[in-house]
Amino acid sequence: MTEHVAPNFSKAEKIAGLIEQISAYIEQYHHGSVELVAIDGDKIIVRLGGACAECELSPQTLQGWVAGTLRQFFPNVEIIAED
């Protein structure tokens, strides 16, 4: 029997995976989306789309769901929305 070895994902891959999961939730329940644009050190640049693009509550979505979730795993990151 072979020993199971957990995958060794990079920080960027983990961040991308989290953003994909957040986006899936936002798409299903709010018809919006969040897309990873770039990672520059501890700065994560994202773009809100769909219903979130023009929503007046998008700053709360960005800071609550996106930044809040990412900071649970990466406490020192800064999340920036690209226009």
N, C-alpha and C. Protein backbone atom coordinates (compact mmCIF):
# COMPACT_ATOMS: atom_id res chain seq x y z
N MET A 1 0.85 -1.17 0.00
CA MET A 1 0.00 0.00 0.00
C MET A 1 0.90 1.24 0.00
N THR A 2 0.52 2.24 -0.81
CA THR A 2 1.31 3.47 -0.86
C THR A 2 0.83 4.45 0.18
N GLU A 3 1.73 5.24 0.65
CA GLU A 3 1.41 6.25 1.66
C GLU A 3 0.79 7.47 0.98
N HIS A 4 -0.26 7.99 1.58
CA HIS A 4 -0.92 9.19 1.05
C HIS A 4 -0.09 10.42 1.39
N VAL A 5 0.15 11.22 0.38
CA VAL A 5 0.90 12.46 0.58
C VAL A 5 -0.02 13.61 0.19
N ALA A 6 -0.22 14.54 1.10
CA ALA A 6 -1.07 15.69 0.83
C ALA A 6 -0.40 16.59 -0.21
N PRO A 7 -1.18 17.18 -1.10
CA PRO A 7 -0.59 18.07 -2.11
C PRO A 7 0.05 19.29 -1.44
N ASN A 8 1.10 19.76 -2.02
CA ASN A 8 1.82 20.91 -1.49
C ASN A 8 1.53 22.12 -2.39
N PHE A 9 0.36 22.74 -2.19
CA PHE A 9 -0.04 23.87 -3.00
C PHE A 9 0.72 25.13 -2.57
N SER A 10 1.02 25.98 -3.53
CA SER A 10 1.67 27.25 -3.23
C SER A 10 0.66 28.21 -2.61
N LYS A 11 1.15 29.27 -2.04
CA LYS A 11 0.28 30.30 -1.46
C LYS A 11 -0.65 30.85 -2.53
N ALA A 12 -0.13 31.12 -3.71
CA ALA A 12 -0.95 31.66 -4.80
C ALA A 12 -2.05 30.69 -5.20
N GLU A 13 -1.74 29.39 -5.24
CA GLU A 13 -2.74 28.39 -5.59
C GLU A 13 -3.83 28.30 -4.52
N LYS A 14 -3.44 28.41 -3.26
CA LYS A 14 -4.42 28.38 -2.17
C LYS A 14 -5.34 29.59 -2.24
N ILE A 15 -4.76 30.76 -2.49
CA ILE A 15 -5.56 31.99 -2.60
C ILE A 15 -6.52 31.88 -3.78
N ALA A 16 -6.03 31.42 -4.92
CA ALA A 16 -6.89 31.27 -6.10
C ALA A 16 -8.04 30.30 -5.81
N GLY A 17 -7.75 29.22 -5.13
CA GLY A 17 -8.80 28.25 -4.78
C GLY A 17 -9.86 28.84 -3.86
N LEU A 18 -9.42 29.60 -2.87
CA LEU A 18 -10.38 30.25 -1.97
C LEU A 18 -11.26 31.24 -2.73
N ILE A 19 -10.65 32.02 -3.60
CA ILE A 19 -11.43 32.99 -4.37
C ILE A 19 -12.42 32.29 -5.28
N GLU A 20 -12.05 31.17 -5.86
CA GLU A 20 -12.99 30.41 -6.69
C GLU A 20 -14.18 29.93 -5.86
N GLN A 21 -13.93 29.47 -4.65
CA GLN A 21 -15.02 29.01 -3.78
C GLN A 21 -15.92 30.17 -3.37
N ILE A 22 -15.33 31.31 -3.04
CA ILE A 22 -16.13 32.48 -2.68
C ILE A 22 -16.98 32.91 -3.87
N SER A 23 -16.37 32.92 -5.05
CA SER A 23 -17.10 33.33 -6.25
C SER A 23 -18.26 32.39 -6.54
N ALA A 24 -18.06 31.11 -6.35
CA ALA A 24 -19.14 30.14 -6.59
C ALA A 24 -20.34 30.44 -5.70
N TYR A 25 -20.07 30.77 -4.44
CA TYR A 25 -21.16 31.11 -3.52
C TYR A 25 -21.86 32.38 -3.97
N ILE A 26 -21.07 33.41 -4.28
CA ILE A 26 -21.65 34.69 -4.70
C ILE A 26 -22.46 34.52 -5.98
N GLU A 27 -21.96 33.71 -6.91
CA GLU A 27 -22.68 33.47 -8.16
C GLU A 27 -24.01 32.78 -7.90
N GLN A 28 -23.99 31.76 -7.05
CA GLN A 28 -25.21 30.99 -6.82
C GLN A 28 -26.28 31.80 -6.10
N TYR A 29 -25.90 32.55 -5.09
CA TYR A 29 -26.89 33.22 -4.26
C TYR A 29 -27.13 34.69 -4.58
N HIS A 30 -26.20 35.32 -5.28
CA HIS A 30 -26.33 36.76 -5.51
C HIS A 30 -26.11 37.16 -6.97
N HIS A 31 -25.84 36.19 -7.83
CA HIS A 31 -25.65 36.43 -9.27
C HIS A 31 -24.49 37.37 -9.57
N GLY A 32 -23.51 37.38 -8.68
CA GLY A 32 -22.31 38.17 -8.88
C GLY A 32 -21.11 37.24 -8.95
N SER A 33 -19.94 37.84 -8.98
CA SER A 33 -18.72 37.03 -9.02
C SER A 33 -17.54 37.82 -8.48
N VAL A 34 -16.49 37.10 -8.16
CA VAL A 34 -15.22 37.71 -7.79
C VAL A 34 -14.14 36.95 -8.55
N GLU A 35 -13.24 37.69 -9.17
CA GLU A 35 -12.19 37.10 -10.00
C GLU A 35 -10.83 37.56 -9.50
N LEU A 36 -9.91 36.64 -9.40
CA LEU A 36 -8.54 36.98 -9.04
C LEU A 36 -7.87 37.62 -10.25
N VAL A 37 -7.34 38.83 -10.06
CA VAL A 37 -6.64 39.54 -11.13
C VAL A 37 -5.14 39.33 -11.00
N ALA A 38 -4.62 39.53 -9.78
CA ALA A 38 -3.17 39.40 -9.58
C ALA A 38 -2.86 39.26 -8.10
N ILE A 39 -1.69 38.69 -7.84
CA ILE A 39 -1.14 38.63 -6.49
C ILE A 39 0.23 39.27 -6.57
N ASP A 40 0.43 40.29 -5.75
CA ASP A 40 1.70 41.00 -5.71
C ASP A 40 2.16 41.03 -4.25
N GLY A 41 2.93 40.03 -3.86
CA GLY A 41 3.34 39.92 -2.46
C GLY A 41 2.13 39.65 -1.59
N ASP A 42 1.84 40.56 -0.65
CA ASP A 42 0.67 40.42 0.21
C ASP A 42 -0.53 41.21 -0.30
N LYS A 43 -0.45 41.76 -1.51
CA LYS A 43 -1.58 42.46 -2.12
C LYS A 43 -2.28 41.51 -3.09
N ILE A 44 -3.57 41.37 -2.88
CA ILE A 44 -4.39 40.53 -3.75
C ILE A 44 -5.37 41.45 -4.47
N ILE A 45 -5.30 41.44 -5.78
CA ILE A 45 -6.16 42.31 -6.59
C ILE A 45 -7.25 41.44 -7.19
N VAL A 46 -8.50 41.86 -6.97
CA VAL A 46 -9.66 41.12 -7.47
C VAL A 46 -10.57 42.06 -8.24
N ARG A 47 -11.47 41.45 -9.00
CA ARG A 47 -12.47 42.21 -9.75
C ARG A 47 -13.84 41.62 -9.42
N LEU A 48 -14.75 42.46 -9.00
CA LEU A 48 -16.12 42.02 -8.76
C LEU A 48 -16.88 42.13 -10.07
N GLY A 49 -17.69 41.12 -10.38
CA GLY A 49 -18.43 41.12 -11.63
C GLY A 49 -19.87 40.73 -11.44
N GLY A 50 -20.57 40.58 -12.54
CA GLY A 50 -21.98 40.23 -12.49
C GLY A 50 -22.78 41.27 -11.73
N ALA A 51 -23.69 40.82 -10.90
CA ALA A 51 -24.53 41.73 -10.13
C ALA A 51 -23.71 42.57 -9.14
N CYS A 52 -22.53 42.09 -8.77
CA CYS A 52 -21.69 42.82 -7.81
C CYS A 52 -21.01 44.04 -8.43
N ALA A 53 -20.86 44.04 -9.74
CA ALA A 53 -20.12 45.11 -10.42
C ALA A 53 -20.72 46.48 -10.17
N GLU A 54 -22.03 46.57 -10.16
CA GLU A 54 -22.71 47.87 -10.01
C GLU A 54 -23.47 48.00 -8.70
N CYS A 55 -23.34 47.03 -7.83
CA CYS A 55 -24.11 47.03 -6.58
C CYS A 55 -23.51 48.00 -5.57
N GLU A 56 -24.36 48.74 -4.91
CA GLU A 56 -23.89 49.69 -3.90
C GLU A 56 -23.35 49.00 -2.66
N LEU A 57 -23.62 47.71 -2.51
CA LEU A 57 -23.09 46.95 -1.37
C LEU A 57 -21.80 46.21 -1.70
N SER A 58 -21.23 46.44 -2.88
CA SER A 58 -20.02 45.73 -3.26
C SER A 58 -18.83 45.99 -2.33
N PRO A 59 -18.69 47.19 -1.72
CA PRO A 59 -17.60 47.34 -0.74
C PRO A 59 -17.75 46.39 0.46
N GLN A 60 -18.98 46.14 0.88
CA GLN A 60 -19.21 45.21 1.98
C GLN A 60 -18.93 43.78 1.54
N THR A 61 -19.27 43.45 0.31
CA THR A 61 -18.96 42.12 -0.22
C THR A 61 -17.45 41.92 -0.27
N LEU A 62 -16.76 42.94 -0.76
CA LEU A 62 -15.31 42.86 -0.87
C LEU A 62 -14.66 42.68 0.50
N GLN A 63 -15.04 43.52 1.46
CA GLN A 63 -14.39 43.46 2.77
C GLN A 63 -14.95 42.34 3.64
N GLY A 64 -16.23 42.04 3.52
CA GLY A 64 -16.83 41.01 4.36
C GLY A 64 -16.51 39.61 3.88
N TRP A 65 -17.01 39.26 2.71
CA TRP A 65 -16.83 37.89 2.23
C TRP A 65 -15.43 37.63 1.71
N VAL A 66 -14.97 38.48 0.81
CA VAL A 66 -13.70 38.20 0.16
C VAL A 66 -12.53 38.39 1.13
N ALA A 67 -12.36 39.61 1.62
CA ALA A 67 -11.23 39.89 2.52
C ALA A 67 -11.36 39.11 3.82
N GLY A 68 -12.55 39.04 4.37
CA GLY A 68 -12.76 38.33 5.64
C GLY A 68 -12.38 36.86 5.54
N THR A 69 -12.77 36.21 4.45
CA THR A 69 -12.43 34.80 4.27
C THR A 69 -10.94 34.62 4.05
N LEU A 70 -10.36 35.43 3.17
CA LEU A 70 -8.93 35.29 2.88
C LEU A 70 -8.07 35.54 4.12
N ARG A 71 -8.45 36.51 4.93
CA ARG A 71 -7.65 36.84 6.12
C ARG A 71 -7.73 35.77 7.20
N GLN A 72 -8.73 34.91 7.14
CA GLN A 72 -8.77 33.78 8.09
C GLN A 72 -7.59 32.86 7.86
N PHE A 73 -7.14 32.77 6.62
CA PHE A 73 -6.04 31.87 6.27
C PHE A 73 -4.73 32.61 6.03
N PHE A 74 -4.83 33.85 5.59
CA PHE A 74 -3.66 34.68 5.30
C PHE A 74 -3.87 36.05 5.95
N PRO A 75 -3.59 36.17 7.25
CA PRO A 75 -3.95 37.38 8.00
C PRO A 75 -3.27 38.67 7.54
N ASN A 76 -2.17 38.59 6.83
CA ASN A 76 -1.44 39.80 6.46
C ASN A 76 -1.74 40.32 5.06
N VAL A 77 -2.70 39.72 4.37
CA VAL A 77 -2.96 40.16 3.01
C VAL A 77 -3.83 41.42 2.97
N GLU A 78 -3.67 42.15 1.89
CA GLU A 78 -4.49 43.33 1.61
C GLU A 78 -5.26 43.03 0.34
N ILE A 79 -6.57 43.21 0.37
CA ILE A 79 -7.40 42.92 -0.79
C ILE A 79 -7.80 44.24 -1.42
N ILE A 80 -7.56 44.34 -2.72
CA ILE A 80 -7.82 45.56 -3.47
C ILE A 80 -8.75 45.21 -4.63
N ALA A 81 -9.78 46.02 -4.82
CA ALA A 81 -10.70 45.81 -5.96
C ALA A 81 -10.22 46.62 -7.14
N GLU A 82 -10.12 45.94 -8.27
CA GLU A 82 -9.77 46.62 -9.52
C GLU A 82 -11.06 47.13 -10.13
N ASP A 83 -11.02 48.34 -10.66
CA ASP A 83 -12.21 48.92 -11.29
C ASP A 83 -12.40 48.39 -12.69
